[in-house]
N, C-alpha and C. Protein backbone atom coordinates (compact mmCIF):
# COMPACT_ATOMS: atom_id res chain seq x y z
N MET A 1 -124.79 207.75 69.91
CA MET A 1 -123.56 207.39 70.61
C MET A 1 -123.31 205.90 70.45
N GLY A 2 -122.11 205.55 69.96
CA GLY A 2 -121.82 204.14 69.69
C GLY A 2 -121.39 203.42 70.95
N TYR A 3 -121.48 202.12 70.89
CA TYR A 3 -121.10 201.27 72.00
C TYR A 3 -119.77 200.59 71.68
N VAL A 4 -118.95 200.47 72.66
CA VAL A 4 -117.65 199.83 72.50
C VAL A 4 -117.72 198.45 73.13
N THR A 5 -117.42 197.43 72.35
CA THR A 5 -117.45 196.06 72.84
C THR A 5 -116.10 195.72 73.45
N ALA A 6 -116.12 195.30 74.68
CA ALA A 6 -114.87 194.96 75.37
C ALA A 6 -114.38 193.61 74.88
N VAL A 7 -113.13 193.56 74.45
CA VAL A 7 -112.51 192.33 73.99
C VAL A 7 -111.52 191.88 75.05
N PRO A 8 -111.66 190.66 75.58
CA PRO A 8 -110.75 190.20 76.63
C PRO A 8 -109.33 190.10 76.11
N HIS A 9 -108.41 190.47 76.95
CA HIS A 9 -107.00 190.38 76.58
C HIS A 9 -106.60 188.91 76.44
N PRO A 10 -105.74 188.56 75.47
CA PRO A 10 -105.36 187.15 75.28
C PRO A 10 -104.81 186.51 76.53
N ARG A 11 -104.08 187.29 77.36
CA ARG A 11 -103.50 186.69 78.55
C ARG A 11 -104.56 186.29 79.57
N SER A 12 -105.71 186.95 79.53
CA SER A 12 -106.76 186.61 80.48
C SER A 12 -107.38 185.26 80.19
N GLN A 13 -107.22 184.76 78.95
CA GLN A 13 -107.78 183.46 78.59
C GLN A 13 -106.78 182.33 78.83
N ALA A 14 -105.52 182.65 79.08
CA ALA A 14 -104.50 181.63 79.24
C ALA A 14 -104.78 180.68 80.40
N PRO A 15 -105.13 181.17 81.61
CA PRO A 15 -105.40 180.23 82.69
C PRO A 15 -106.53 179.26 82.37
N GLY A 16 -107.59 179.75 81.73
CA GLY A 16 -108.69 178.86 81.37
C GLY A 16 -108.26 177.82 80.36
N SER A 17 -107.45 178.22 79.38
CA SER A 17 -106.96 177.27 78.38
C SER A 17 -106.07 176.23 79.02
N ALA A 18 -105.24 176.66 79.97
CA ALA A 18 -104.35 175.71 80.64
C ALA A 18 -105.15 174.69 81.44
N ARG A 19 -106.19 175.15 82.14
CA ARG A 19 -107.03 174.21 82.91
C ARG A 19 -107.75 173.24 81.98
N ALA A 20 -108.26 173.77 80.86
CA ALA A 20 -108.94 172.90 79.89
C ALA A 20 -107.98 171.88 79.33
N GLY A 21 -106.74 172.30 79.07
CA GLY A 21 -105.75 171.37 78.55
C GLY A 21 -105.42 170.26 79.54
N ARG A 22 -105.22 170.63 80.81
CA ARG A 22 -104.90 169.62 81.82
C ARG A 22 -106.07 168.67 82.04
N LEU A 23 -107.28 169.21 82.11
CA LEU A 23 -108.45 168.36 82.35
C LEU A 23 -108.69 167.42 81.18
N SER A 24 -108.63 167.95 79.96
CA SER A 24 -108.86 167.11 78.78
C SER A 24 -107.78 166.05 78.65
N LEU A 25 -106.54 166.40 79.00
CA LEU A 25 -105.46 165.43 78.95
C LEU A 25 -105.69 164.29 79.92
N ALA A 26 -106.09 164.61 81.13
CA ALA A 26 -106.34 163.57 82.14
C ALA A 26 -107.50 162.66 81.72
N VAL A 27 -108.56 163.27 81.21
CA VAL A 27 -109.72 162.48 80.79
C VAL A 27 -109.37 161.60 79.59
N ALA A 28 -108.61 162.15 78.64
CA ALA A 28 -108.24 161.38 77.44
C ALA A 28 -107.35 160.19 77.80
N LEU A 29 -106.37 160.42 78.65
CA LEU A 29 -105.49 159.33 79.06
C LEU A 29 -106.26 158.23 79.78
N LEU A 30 -107.13 158.64 80.71
CA LEU A 30 -107.90 157.66 81.47
C LEU A 30 -108.86 156.90 80.58
N SER A 31 -109.63 157.62 79.77
CA SER A 31 -110.62 156.96 78.92
C SER A 31 -109.97 156.10 77.85
N GLY A 32 -108.85 156.58 77.26
CA GLY A 32 -108.19 155.80 76.22
C GLY A 32 -107.59 154.51 76.76
N ALA A 33 -106.87 154.60 77.87
CA ALA A 33 -106.26 153.41 78.45
C ALA A 33 -107.32 152.44 78.96
N LEU A 34 -108.35 152.97 79.64
CA LEU A 34 -109.42 152.12 80.16
C LEU A 34 -110.20 151.48 79.01
N GLY A 35 -110.48 152.26 77.97
CA GLY A 35 -111.22 151.73 76.83
C GLY A 35 -110.49 150.59 76.15
N ALA A 36 -109.17 150.74 75.96
CA ALA A 36 -108.39 149.66 75.33
C ALA A 36 -108.40 148.41 76.20
N ALA A 37 -108.25 148.59 77.51
CA ALA A 37 -108.26 147.43 78.41
C ALA A 37 -109.61 146.73 78.40
N VAL A 38 -110.68 147.51 78.42
CA VAL A 38 -112.04 146.93 78.42
C VAL A 38 -112.30 146.18 77.12
N ALA A 39 -111.91 146.78 75.99
CA ALA A 39 -112.14 146.13 74.70
C ALA A 39 -111.36 144.83 74.59
N LEU A 40 -110.10 144.84 75.02
CA LEU A 40 -109.30 143.61 74.97
C LEU A 40 -109.88 142.54 75.88
N LEU A 41 -110.32 142.94 77.08
CA LEU A 41 -110.91 141.98 78.00
C LEU A 41 -112.19 141.39 77.43
N ALA A 42 -113.02 142.22 76.82
CA ALA A 42 -114.31 141.75 76.30
C ALA A 42 -114.13 140.74 75.17
N THR A 43 -113.09 140.91 74.34
CA THR A 43 -112.91 139.99 73.22
C THR A 43 -112.47 138.61 73.67
N ARG A 44 -112.01 138.48 74.90
CA ARG A 44 -111.58 137.18 75.42
C ARG A 44 -112.71 136.46 76.15
N GLN A 45 -113.86 137.07 76.21
CA GLN A 45 -114.99 136.47 76.92
C GLN A 45 -115.96 135.82 75.92
N GLN A 46 -116.91 135.08 76.47
CA GLN A 46 -117.89 134.39 75.64
C GLN A 46 -118.94 135.36 75.13
N TRP A 47 -119.10 135.38 73.81
CA TRP A 47 -120.07 136.29 73.17
C TRP A 47 -121.37 135.57 72.81
N SER A 48 -121.29 134.30 72.45
CA SER A 48 -122.50 133.59 72.01
C SER A 48 -122.39 132.11 72.38
N GLN A 49 -123.55 131.47 72.39
CA GLN A 49 -123.61 130.04 72.70
C GLN A 49 -124.80 129.43 72.00
N GLY A 50 -124.73 128.11 71.82
CA GLY A 50 -125.82 127.41 71.15
C GLY A 50 -125.56 125.92 71.18
N THR A 51 -126.27 125.18 70.38
CA THR A 51 -126.12 123.72 70.33
C THR A 51 -126.10 123.28 68.87
N ALA A 52 -125.49 122.14 68.66
CA ALA A 52 -125.47 121.49 67.34
C ALA A 52 -125.94 120.05 67.51
N THR A 53 -126.68 119.56 66.56
CA THR A 53 -127.19 118.19 66.62
C THR A 53 -126.12 117.25 66.09
N VAL A 54 -125.59 116.41 66.97
CA VAL A 54 -124.53 115.47 66.61
C VAL A 54 -124.95 114.08 67.06
N ALA A 55 -125.07 113.15 66.11
CA ALA A 55 -125.45 111.75 66.40
C ALA A 55 -126.74 111.69 67.20
N GLY A 56 -127.69 112.53 66.83
CA GLY A 56 -128.99 112.52 67.47
C GLY A 56 -129.06 113.23 68.79
N GLY A 57 -127.93 113.81 69.22
CA GLY A 57 -127.92 114.52 70.49
C GLY A 57 -127.50 115.97 70.32
N ALA A 58 -127.72 116.76 71.37
CA ALA A 58 -127.37 118.18 71.34
C ALA A 58 -125.96 118.36 71.87
N PHE A 59 -125.12 119.00 71.06
CA PHE A 59 -123.74 119.25 71.43
C PHE A 59 -123.57 120.74 71.71
N PRO A 60 -123.16 121.14 72.95
CA PRO A 60 -123.07 122.57 73.27
C PRO A 60 -121.89 123.23 72.55
N LEU A 61 -122.12 124.47 72.12
CA LEU A 61 -121.10 125.25 71.43
C LEU A 61 -121.02 126.64 72.05
N THR A 62 -119.82 127.16 72.12
CA THR A 62 -119.61 128.53 72.61
C THR A 62 -118.59 129.22 71.71
N ALA A 63 -118.69 130.54 71.64
CA ALA A 63 -117.77 131.33 70.83
C ALA A 63 -117.33 132.57 71.61
N LYS A 64 -116.02 132.77 71.68
CA LYS A 64 -115.49 133.98 72.29
C LYS A 64 -115.54 135.14 71.31
N GLY A 65 -115.28 136.33 71.85
CA GLY A 65 -115.27 137.49 70.97
C GLY A 65 -114.22 137.39 69.89
N SER A 66 -113.04 136.85 70.25
CA SER A 66 -111.98 136.69 69.25
C SER A 66 -112.35 135.69 68.17
N ASP A 67 -113.28 134.73 68.48
CA ASP A 67 -113.76 133.79 67.47
C ASP A 67 -114.73 134.47 66.51
N VAL A 68 -115.48 135.42 67.03
CA VAL A 68 -116.47 136.11 66.20
C VAL A 68 -115.81 137.13 65.29
N THR A 69 -114.94 137.96 65.84
CA THR A 69 -114.25 138.99 65.06
C THR A 69 -112.97 139.40 65.77
N GLY A 70 -111.92 139.58 64.99
CA GLY A 70 -110.65 140.02 65.55
C GLY A 70 -110.44 141.52 65.47
N VAL A 71 -111.44 142.22 64.93
CA VAL A 71 -111.30 143.67 64.71
C VAL A 71 -111.19 144.45 66.02
N PRO A 72 -112.07 144.23 67.01
CA PRO A 72 -111.97 145.04 68.24
C PRO A 72 -110.63 144.92 68.95
N ALA A 73 -110.07 143.72 69.05
CA ALA A 73 -108.79 143.54 69.72
C ALA A 73 -107.67 144.26 68.96
N ALA A 74 -107.68 144.13 67.64
CA ALA A 74 -106.64 144.77 66.83
C ALA A 74 -106.73 146.28 66.94
N LEU A 75 -107.94 146.82 66.86
CA LEU A 75 -108.10 148.27 66.94
C LEU A 75 -107.84 148.81 68.34
N ALA A 76 -108.05 147.98 69.36
CA ALA A 76 -107.73 148.42 70.71
C ALA A 76 -106.23 148.63 70.86
N ILE A 77 -105.44 147.74 70.26
CA ILE A 77 -103.98 147.88 70.30
C ILE A 77 -103.55 149.10 69.50
N VAL A 78 -104.18 149.29 68.32
CA VAL A 78 -103.87 150.47 67.50
C VAL A 78 -104.21 151.75 68.26
N GLY A 79 -105.37 151.76 68.91
CA GLY A 79 -105.78 152.94 69.67
C GLY A 79 -104.84 153.23 70.81
N LEU A 80 -104.38 152.20 71.50
CA LEU A 80 -103.45 152.40 72.62
C LEU A 80 -102.12 152.97 72.12
N ALA A 81 -101.66 152.46 70.98
CA ALA A 81 -100.42 152.98 70.39
C ALA A 81 -100.59 154.43 69.95
N ALA A 82 -101.76 154.74 69.38
CA ALA A 82 -102.02 156.12 68.95
C ALA A 82 -102.10 157.06 70.14
N LEU A 83 -102.64 156.58 71.25
CA LEU A 83 -102.73 157.41 72.44
C LEU A 83 -101.34 157.82 72.94
N VAL A 84 -100.40 156.89 72.87
CA VAL A 84 -99.02 157.20 73.27
C VAL A 84 -98.35 158.10 72.23
N ALA A 85 -98.62 157.82 70.94
CA ALA A 85 -97.97 158.57 69.87
C ALA A 85 -98.43 160.02 69.82
N VAL A 86 -99.59 160.32 70.39
CA VAL A 86 -100.08 161.71 70.38
C VAL A 86 -99.05 162.65 71.00
N PHE A 87 -98.32 162.18 72.01
CA PHE A 87 -97.38 163.03 72.72
C PHE A 87 -96.01 163.07 72.05
N ALA A 88 -95.82 162.26 71.01
CA ALA A 88 -94.54 162.24 70.33
C ALA A 88 -94.52 163.11 69.08
N VAL A 89 -95.68 163.65 68.70
CA VAL A 89 -95.76 164.46 67.49
C VAL A 89 -96.37 165.81 67.83
N ARG A 90 -96.26 166.72 66.88
CA ARG A 90 -96.78 168.08 67.07
C ARG A 90 -97.61 168.50 65.87
N ARG A 91 -98.39 169.54 66.07
CA ARG A 91 -99.14 170.22 65.01
C ARG A 91 -99.93 169.24 64.15
N ALA A 92 -99.65 169.22 62.83
CA ALA A 92 -100.44 168.39 61.91
C ALA A 92 -100.32 166.91 62.24
N GLY A 93 -99.12 166.48 62.66
CA GLY A 93 -98.94 165.08 63.02
C GLY A 93 -99.81 164.67 64.18
N ARG A 94 -100.00 165.57 65.13
CA ARG A 94 -100.85 165.27 66.28
C ARG A 94 -102.30 165.14 65.85
N LEU A 95 -102.73 165.95 64.91
CA LEU A 95 -104.10 165.84 64.42
C LEU A 95 -104.32 164.51 63.71
N VAL A 96 -103.33 164.09 62.94
CA VAL A 96 -103.46 162.81 62.23
C VAL A 96 -103.55 161.65 63.21
N VAL A 97 -102.68 161.64 64.20
CA VAL A 97 -102.69 160.57 65.19
C VAL A 97 -103.97 160.60 66.02
N ALA A 98 -104.44 161.81 66.37
CA ALA A 98 -105.69 161.92 67.11
C ALA A 98 -106.86 161.40 66.29
N GLY A 99 -106.84 161.67 64.98
CA GLY A 99 -107.88 161.13 64.11
C GLY A 99 -107.84 159.62 64.06
N LEU A 100 -106.63 159.04 64.02
CA LEU A 100 -106.50 157.58 64.04
C LEU A 100 -107.03 157.01 65.34
N LEU A 101 -106.80 157.70 66.44
CA LEU A 101 -107.31 157.26 67.73
C LEU A 101 -108.83 157.24 67.74
N ALA A 102 -109.44 158.31 67.22
CA ALA A 102 -110.90 158.37 67.16
C ALA A 102 -111.47 157.30 66.24
N LEU A 103 -110.82 157.08 65.09
CA LEU A 103 -111.30 156.06 64.15
C LEU A 103 -111.18 154.65 64.74
N SER A 104 -110.16 154.43 65.55
CA SER A 104 -110.02 153.13 66.21
C SER A 104 -111.21 152.86 67.13
N GLY A 105 -111.58 153.88 67.90
CA GLY A 105 -112.74 153.71 68.77
C GLY A 105 -114.02 153.47 67.99
N ALA A 106 -114.21 154.24 66.91
CA ALA A 106 -115.42 154.06 66.10
C ALA A 106 -115.44 152.68 65.46
N GLY A 107 -114.27 152.19 65.03
CA GLY A 107 -114.22 150.85 64.43
C GLY A 107 -114.55 149.76 65.43
N ILE A 108 -114.10 149.92 66.66
CA ILE A 108 -114.43 148.93 67.70
C ILE A 108 -115.93 148.90 67.95
N VAL A 109 -116.54 150.07 68.03
CA VAL A 109 -117.99 150.14 68.26
C VAL A 109 -118.74 149.44 67.14
N THR A 110 -118.36 149.72 65.90
CA THR A 110 -119.05 149.12 64.75
C THR A 110 -118.88 147.61 64.71
N ALA A 111 -117.63 147.14 64.89
CA ALA A 111 -117.37 145.71 64.82
C ALA A 111 -118.06 144.96 65.96
N ALA A 112 -118.07 145.54 67.15
CA ALA A 112 -118.70 144.87 68.29
C ALA A 112 -120.21 144.80 68.12
N LEU A 113 -120.81 145.86 67.59
CA LEU A 113 -122.26 145.83 67.36
C LEU A 113 -122.63 144.80 66.31
N LEU A 114 -121.83 144.69 65.28
CA LEU A 114 -122.10 143.67 64.26
C LEU A 114 -121.90 142.26 64.82
N GLY A 115 -120.90 142.11 65.69
CA GLY A 115 -120.65 140.79 66.26
C GLY A 115 -121.63 140.39 67.34
N ALA A 116 -122.41 141.34 67.85
CA ALA A 116 -123.35 141.03 68.92
C ALA A 116 -124.46 140.10 68.47
N THR A 117 -124.75 140.08 67.20
CA THR A 117 -125.82 139.22 66.67
C THR A 117 -125.29 138.23 65.64
N ASP A 118 -123.98 138.10 65.54
CA ASP A 118 -123.38 137.23 64.53
C ASP A 118 -123.44 135.77 64.98
N SER A 119 -123.70 134.88 64.05
CA SER A 119 -123.77 133.45 64.35
C SER A 119 -122.82 132.62 63.49
N SER A 120 -122.02 133.28 62.66
CA SER A 120 -121.16 132.55 61.73
C SER A 120 -120.12 131.71 62.45
N ALA A 121 -119.58 132.21 63.57
CA ALA A 121 -118.57 131.44 64.30
C ALA A 121 -119.15 130.14 64.84
N LEU A 122 -120.37 130.21 65.40
CA LEU A 122 -121.00 128.99 65.91
C LEU A 122 -121.46 128.08 64.78
N ASP A 123 -121.86 128.66 63.65
CA ASP A 123 -122.24 127.82 62.51
C ASP A 123 -121.05 127.02 62.00
N GLU A 124 -119.86 127.62 62.01
CA GLU A 124 -118.67 126.89 61.60
C GLU A 124 -118.35 125.76 62.57
N GLN A 125 -118.53 126.03 63.86
CA GLN A 125 -118.30 124.99 64.85
C GLN A 125 -119.32 123.86 64.70
N ALA A 126 -120.55 124.22 64.41
CA ALA A 126 -121.59 123.20 64.22
C ALA A 126 -121.29 122.34 63.00
N ALA A 127 -120.78 122.95 61.95
CA ALA A 127 -120.44 122.19 60.74
C ALA A 127 -119.29 121.23 61.02
N ARG A 128 -118.30 121.66 61.78
CA ARG A 128 -117.18 120.77 62.09
C ARG A 128 -117.60 119.65 63.03
N ALA A 129 -118.46 119.98 64.00
CA ALA A 129 -118.88 118.96 64.97
C ALA A 129 -119.76 117.89 64.34
N SER A 130 -120.62 118.31 63.41
CA SER A 130 -121.56 117.35 62.80
C SER A 130 -121.02 116.75 61.52
N GLY A 131 -119.99 117.32 60.95
CA GLY A 131 -119.48 116.82 59.67
C GLY A 131 -120.34 117.21 58.50
N ASP A 132 -121.28 118.09 58.69
CA ASP A 132 -122.17 118.56 57.65
C ASP A 132 -121.91 120.05 57.42
N THR A 133 -121.43 120.40 56.22
CA THR A 133 -121.08 121.79 55.94
C THR A 133 -122.29 122.72 55.94
N SER A 134 -123.49 122.15 55.79
CA SER A 134 -124.69 122.98 55.79
C SER A 134 -125.34 123.09 57.16
N ALA A 135 -124.72 122.49 58.18
CA ALA A 135 -125.30 122.51 59.52
C ALA A 135 -125.21 123.92 60.09
N SER A 136 -126.14 124.23 60.96
CA SER A 136 -126.17 125.53 61.63
C SER A 136 -126.46 125.32 63.11
N VAL A 137 -126.18 126.33 63.87
CA VAL A 137 -126.33 126.24 65.31
C VAL A 137 -127.80 126.39 65.69
N ASP A 138 -128.20 125.67 66.74
CA ASP A 138 -129.56 125.77 67.26
C ASP A 138 -129.53 126.44 68.64
N ALA A 139 -130.66 126.95 69.05
CA ALA A 139 -130.81 127.59 70.36
C ALA A 139 -129.74 128.65 70.58
N LEU A 140 -129.56 129.50 69.59
CA LEU A 140 -128.52 130.53 69.64
C LEU A 140 -128.89 131.62 70.64
N SER A 141 -127.92 132.04 71.46
CA SER A 141 -128.10 133.15 72.39
C SER A 141 -126.79 133.92 72.51
N HIS A 142 -126.90 135.16 72.90
CA HIS A 142 -125.73 136.03 73.00
C HIS A 142 -125.62 136.60 74.41
N THR A 143 -124.40 136.92 74.79
CA THR A 143 -124.14 137.51 76.10
C THR A 143 -124.02 139.04 75.96
N ALA A 144 -123.73 139.69 77.07
CA ALA A 144 -123.59 141.15 77.07
C ALA A 144 -122.17 141.62 76.77
N TRP A 145 -121.23 140.70 76.60
CA TRP A 145 -119.85 141.09 76.40
C TRP A 145 -119.61 141.91 75.13
N PRO A 146 -120.33 141.66 74.03
CA PRO A 146 -120.13 142.54 72.87
C PRO A 146 -120.42 144.00 73.19
N TYR A 147 -121.39 144.24 74.04
CA TYR A 147 -121.73 145.62 74.39
C TYR A 147 -120.71 146.22 75.37
N VAL A 148 -120.02 145.35 76.12
CA VAL A 148 -118.91 145.83 76.93
C VAL A 148 -117.78 146.31 76.01
N ALA A 149 -117.55 145.56 74.92
CA ALA A 149 -116.56 146.00 73.93
C ALA A 149 -116.99 147.31 73.28
N VAL A 150 -118.28 147.48 73.06
CA VAL A 150 -118.79 148.75 72.52
C VAL A 150 -118.45 149.90 73.48
N ALA A 151 -118.63 149.67 74.78
CA ALA A 151 -118.31 150.70 75.76
C ALA A 151 -116.83 151.05 75.71
N GLY A 152 -115.97 150.04 75.55
CA GLY A 152 -114.55 150.31 75.42
C GLY A 152 -114.24 151.14 74.18
N GLY A 153 -114.92 150.84 73.08
CA GLY A 153 -114.73 151.62 71.87
C GLY A 153 -115.18 153.06 72.03
N VAL A 154 -116.26 153.25 72.76
CA VAL A 154 -116.76 154.61 73.02
C VAL A 154 -115.74 155.41 73.81
N LEU A 155 -115.09 154.78 74.79
CA LEU A 155 -114.08 155.47 75.59
C LEU A 155 -112.87 155.87 74.73
N ILE A 156 -112.46 154.98 73.84
CA ILE A 156 -111.35 155.31 72.94
C ILE A 156 -111.76 156.41 71.98
N LEU A 157 -112.97 156.36 71.49
CA LEU A 157 -113.47 157.42 70.61
C LEU A 157 -113.48 158.75 71.35
N LEU A 158 -113.89 158.76 72.60
CA LEU A 158 -113.88 159.99 73.39
C LEU A 158 -112.46 160.54 73.52
N ALA A 159 -111.50 159.66 73.77
CA ALA A 159 -110.11 160.10 73.87
C ALA A 159 -109.64 160.73 72.56
N GLY A 160 -110.03 160.15 71.43
CA GLY A 160 -109.65 160.71 70.15
C GLY A 160 -110.28 162.07 69.88
N LEU A 161 -111.54 162.21 70.25
CA LEU A 161 -112.21 163.50 70.06
C LEU A 161 -111.60 164.58 70.94
N LEU A 162 -111.23 164.21 72.16
CA LEU A 162 -110.57 165.17 73.04
C LEU A 162 -109.20 165.57 72.49
N ALA A 163 -108.49 164.61 71.92
CA ALA A 163 -107.20 164.91 71.32
C ALA A 163 -107.35 165.83 70.12
N LEU A 164 -108.39 165.64 69.34
CA LEU A 164 -108.63 166.52 68.19
C LEU A 164 -108.98 167.93 68.64
N ARG A 165 -109.73 168.05 69.72
CA ARG A 165 -110.20 169.35 70.17
C ARG A 165 -109.16 170.10 71.00
N PHE A 166 -108.51 169.39 71.93
CA PHE A 166 -107.62 170.05 72.87
C PHE A 166 -106.16 169.64 72.73
N GLY A 167 -105.85 168.81 71.74
CA GLY A 167 -104.49 168.30 71.61
C GLY A 167 -103.43 169.37 71.47
N ARG A 168 -103.80 170.51 70.90
CA ARG A 168 -102.81 171.59 70.73
C ARG A 168 -102.36 172.16 72.07
N LEU A 169 -103.14 171.94 73.12
CA LEU A 169 -102.80 172.45 74.45
C LEU A 169 -101.98 171.45 75.26
N TRP A 170 -101.83 170.25 74.74
CA TRP A 170 -101.13 169.21 75.50
C TRP A 170 -99.63 169.31 75.29
N PRO A 171 -98.85 168.88 76.27
CA PRO A 171 -97.39 168.91 76.11
C PRO A 171 -96.93 167.80 75.18
N ALA A 172 -95.70 167.94 74.72
CA ALA A 172 -95.09 166.92 73.86
C ALA A 172 -93.87 166.35 74.55
N MET A 173 -93.45 165.18 74.11
CA MET A 173 -92.27 164.55 74.68
C MET A 173 -91.05 165.43 74.40
N SER A 174 -90.22 165.61 75.42
CA SER A 174 -89.00 166.40 75.24
C SER A 174 -87.88 165.50 74.78
N GLY A 175 -87.06 165.99 73.87
CA GLY A 175 -85.92 165.25 73.35
C GLY A 175 -84.62 165.91 73.74
N ARG A 176 -83.53 165.38 73.25
CA ARG A 176 -82.23 165.95 73.55
C ARG A 176 -81.86 167.05 72.58
N TYR A 177 -82.84 167.43 71.72
CA TYR A 177 -82.60 168.51 70.77
C TYR A 177 -83.36 169.75 71.20
N GLU A 178 -82.78 170.88 70.99
CA GLU A 178 -83.43 172.12 71.29
C GLU A 178 -84.38 172.48 70.17
N ARG A 179 -85.11 173.56 70.33
CA ARG A 179 -86.07 173.96 69.32
C ARG A 179 -85.42 174.30 68.00
N SER A 180 -84.18 174.72 68.03
CA SER A 180 -83.50 175.04 66.79
C SER A 180 -83.12 173.81 66.00
N GLY A 181 -83.24 172.62 66.63
CA GLY A 181 -82.92 171.38 65.94
C GLY A 181 -81.48 170.95 66.13
N THR A 182 -80.66 171.71 66.83
CA THR A 182 -79.28 171.36 67.05
C THR A 182 -79.15 170.61 68.36
N PRO A 183 -78.29 169.61 68.41
CA PRO A 183 -78.13 168.85 69.66
C PRO A 183 -77.50 169.69 70.74
N GLN A 184 -77.94 169.44 71.95
CA GLN A 184 -77.40 170.19 73.07
C GLN A 184 -75.96 169.74 73.34
N PRO A 185 -75.05 170.68 73.61
CA PRO A 185 -73.65 170.29 73.86
C PRO A 185 -73.53 169.47 75.14
N ARG A 186 -72.63 168.50 75.08
CA ARG A 186 -72.41 167.66 76.25
C ARG A 186 -71.54 168.41 77.26
N ARG A 187 -71.86 168.17 78.50
CA ARG A 187 -71.07 168.79 79.55
C ARG A 187 -69.75 168.05 79.70
N ARG A 188 -68.67 168.81 79.69
CA ARG A 188 -67.35 168.23 79.84
C ARG A 188 -67.05 168.00 81.32
N ALA A 189 -66.38 166.90 81.59
CA ALA A 189 -66.01 166.60 82.98
C ALA A 189 -64.98 167.60 83.45
N PRO A 190 -65.07 168.03 84.70
CA PRO A 190 -64.08 168.98 85.22
C PRO A 190 -62.69 168.38 85.23
N ALA A 191 -61.71 169.23 85.02
CA ALA A 191 -60.33 168.77 84.99
C ALA A 191 -59.91 168.23 86.35
N ALA A 192 -59.11 167.18 86.32
CA ALA A 192 -58.68 166.56 87.57
C ALA A 192 -57.63 167.42 88.24
N GLU A 193 -57.75 167.49 89.54
CA GLU A 193 -56.77 168.24 90.32
C GLU A 193 -55.68 167.27 90.79
N PRO A 194 -54.41 167.53 90.42
CA PRO A 194 -53.33 166.58 90.76
C PRO A 194 -53.14 166.40 92.25
N ASP A 195 -53.62 167.35 93.04
CA ASP A 195 -53.44 167.24 94.48
C ASP A 195 -54.47 166.32 95.14
N ARG A 196 -55.49 165.91 94.39
CA ARG A 196 -56.54 165.06 94.96
C ARG A 196 -56.45 163.67 94.35
N PRO A 197 -56.08 162.65 95.10
CA PRO A 197 -55.92 161.29 94.55
C PRO A 197 -57.20 160.74 93.92
N GLU A 198 -58.39 161.07 94.52
CA GLU A 198 -59.62 160.53 93.96
C GLU A 198 -59.88 161.06 92.56
N ASP A 199 -59.49 162.34 92.31
CA ASP A 199 -59.67 162.89 90.98
C ASP A 199 -58.74 162.22 89.98
N LEU A 200 -57.53 161.86 90.44
CA LEU A 200 -56.59 161.17 89.56
C LEU A 200 -57.13 159.80 89.14
N TRP A 201 -57.72 159.08 90.08
CA TRP A 201 -58.28 157.77 89.75
C TRP A 201 -59.47 157.90 88.79
N LYS A 202 -60.31 158.91 89.02
CA LYS A 202 -61.46 159.11 88.11
C LYS A 202 -60.99 159.46 86.71
N ALA A 203 -59.93 160.28 86.59
CA ALA A 203 -59.40 160.62 85.27
C ALA A 203 -58.85 159.40 84.57
N LEU A 204 -58.16 158.53 85.31
CA LEU A 204 -57.63 157.31 84.71
C LEU A 204 -58.75 156.39 84.25
N ASP A 205 -59.84 156.32 85.02
CA ASP A 205 -60.98 155.51 84.62
C ASP A 205 -61.60 156.01 83.33
N ARG A 206 -61.55 157.34 83.12
CA ARG A 206 -62.11 157.91 81.88
C ARG A 206 -61.14 157.82 80.73
N GLY A 207 -59.94 157.32 80.96
CA GLY A 207 -58.97 157.20 79.90
C GLY A 207 -58.21 158.47 79.64
N GLU A 208 -58.20 159.39 80.59
CA GLU A 208 -57.50 160.66 80.44
C GLU A 208 -56.13 160.59 81.11
N ASP A 209 -55.26 161.48 80.69
CA ASP A 209 -53.93 161.56 81.28
C ASP A 209 -53.93 162.70 82.29
N PRO A 210 -53.99 162.41 83.58
CA PRO A 210 -54.06 163.50 84.58
C PRO A 210 -52.80 164.33 84.67
N THR A 211 -51.71 163.81 84.12
CA THR A 211 -50.46 164.55 84.19
C THR A 211 -50.24 165.44 82.98
N GLY A 212 -51.15 165.32 81.98
CA GLY A 212 -50.98 166.12 80.77
C GLY A 212 -51.28 167.56 81.04
N ALA A 213 -50.75 168.44 80.18
CA ALA A 213 -50.97 169.88 80.33
C ALA A 213 -52.36 170.22 79.93
C-alpha cells in the first residue's frame, strides 16, 4: 500500500511569506540606514596617530578615516542610494540593485580592515612636517574606529543579502501609471451650476466659461 505525501496548498503559505516579507523589509531598512550612518561617522573619526621627528623634537600626527581611505564613505553613500532604489525597480532590476547594496557593504568591510593597519597617511604627514620624503611615522598606534566602519559595512551587507533573498516579497513604489502602462485619466472638474455664485467664481478661476452650453 503506497503512501500519499500531503502537499500544502499555495494559499496556506501566503501568510508566512507575507510575515517574512514584512520582517525582512524592516530589518533591511534599519540595518542599511544604520550601517550607512555608522560608516560615514566612523570615517570622520581618528583612525591612527603617531609622531614625527622634526628639528630634534617629536611632532604629534593624527589621521582621520577619510585621510586613510575614501572608499568606506563613498560606498556608504552608494549603499544608501541602492537601499532606496530597491523600491523603485522590480524583478531583475531589483536583484541588480540588491547585489549592488551587498557589494557596497562588502567593499566597506574590506577597505576598513585594510585601513585599520595602514600607516601611509601618517607617513605622508611625517614627510611634509620634516621636509624629508623618506621620513616615516614613529610610535604608530590605531584606534577602534576602523572596526566601527567594519560593523557599518556588515549591516549594509546584511541589508543587501536580505534584499536578494526576500526582495521579491517587498512592495514597490507606486506611480501614476497603471499596470498596463497607460496613464490614469484625470478627473474632470464638475460642471458649474449657474444658480450657485461660488461655482461661478471657481469656473472663472479655472478659465472656463460658466455661461457656455
